[in-house]
């Protein structure tokens, strides 16, 4: 993985409008994933064990892992 970012690619999960229970389930599951550190295993499995995570990516894990 390059240290240089060439493009910004926003992404999202599409959810049915008004399905607040499912949205809450997705949000809490992702938040728990970030807090548990399991995201590091998923990152390594996806990009290789020697791939480095940037400081910005690590900060996003912390921000997205904050409990409500």
Protein backbone atom coordinates (compact mmCIF):
# COMPACT_ATOMS: atom_id res chain seq x y z
CA UNK A 1 0.00 0.00 0.00
CA UNK A 2 1.28 3.40 -0.93
CA UNK A 3 1.73 6.16 1.62
CA UNK A 4 0.43 8.55 -1.02
CA UNK A 5 -3.31 8.98 -1.49
CA UNK A 6 -4.33 9.64 -5.09
CA UNK A 7 -8.11 9.77 -4.78
CA UNK A 8 -10.76 10.00 -2.12
CA UNK A 9 -13.44 7.33 -2.45
CA UNK A 10 -16.38 7.82 -0.10
CA UNK A 11 -18.42 4.74 0.67
CA UNK A 12 -21.60 3.90 2.50
CA UNK A 13 -23.98 1.12 3.31
CA UNK A 14 -27.41 1.47 1.76
CA UNK A 15 -30.23 0.91 4.22
CA UNK A 16 -33.96 0.97 3.75
CA UNK A 17 -35.44 4.34 4.70
CA UNK A 18 -37.00 4.27 8.13
CA UNK A 19 -35.40 1.00 9.26
CA UNK A 20 -33.95 2.51 12.42
CA UNK A 21 -33.57 -0.84 14.19
CA UNK A 22 -31.34 -2.22 11.43
CA UNK A 23 -29.34 1.03 11.23
CA UNK A 24 -28.72 0.90 14.98
CA UNK A 25 -27.64 -2.75 14.72
CA UNK A 26 -25.16 -1.92 11.93
CA UNK A 27 -23.81 1.15 13.76
CA UNK A 28 -23.33 -0.65 17.08
CA UNK A 29 -21.76 -3.70 15.42
CA UNK A 30 -19.26 -1.58 13.49
CA UNK A 31 -18.50 0.47 16.59
CA UNK A 32 -17.81 -2.68 18.62
CA UNK A 33 -15.60 -4.00 15.82
CA UNK A 34 -13.44 -0.86 15.97
CA UNK A 35 -13.26 -0.87 19.80
CA UNK A 36 -12.34 -4.57 20.02
CA UNK A 37 -9.34 -4.23 17.71
CA UNK A 38 -10.68 -6.95 15.41
CA UNK A 39 -10.55 -4.40 12.61
CA UNK A 40 -6.75 -4.85 12.62
CA UNK A 41 -7.16 -8.55 11.78
CA UNK A 42 -9.60 -7.73 8.99
CA UNK A 43 -7.21 -5.08 7.62
CA UNK A 44 -4.29 -7.54 7.67
CA UNK A 45 -6.36 -10.25 5.99
CA UNK A 46 -7.45 -7.80 3.28
CA UNK A 47 -4.18 -5.97 2.61
CA UNK A 48 -1.50 -8.30 3.97
CA UNK A 49 0.11 -8.53 7.39
CA UNK A 50 2.86 -6.04 6.54
CA UNK A 51 0.53 -3.31 5.25
CA UNK A 52 0.69 -0.18 7.37
CA UNK A 53 -2.34 1.70 8.58
CA UNK A 54 -1.95 5.47 8.39
CA UNK A 55 -2.37 7.67 11.45
CA UNK A 56 -5.53 9.08 9.89
CA UNK A 57 -7.01 5.60 9.46
CA UNK A 58 -6.14 4.73 13.07
CA UNK A 59 -7.82 7.96 14.20
CA UNK A 60 -10.95 7.04 12.25
CA UNK A 61 -11.05 3.70 14.07
CA UNK A 62 -10.99 5.55 17.38
CA UNK A 63 -13.65 8.07 16.35
CA UNK A 64 -15.95 5.43 14.86
CA UNK A 65 -15.46 3.18 17.88
CA UNK A 66 -16.74 5.72 20.39
CA UNK A 67 -19.78 4.41 22.26
CA UNK A 68 -22.95 6.47 22.13
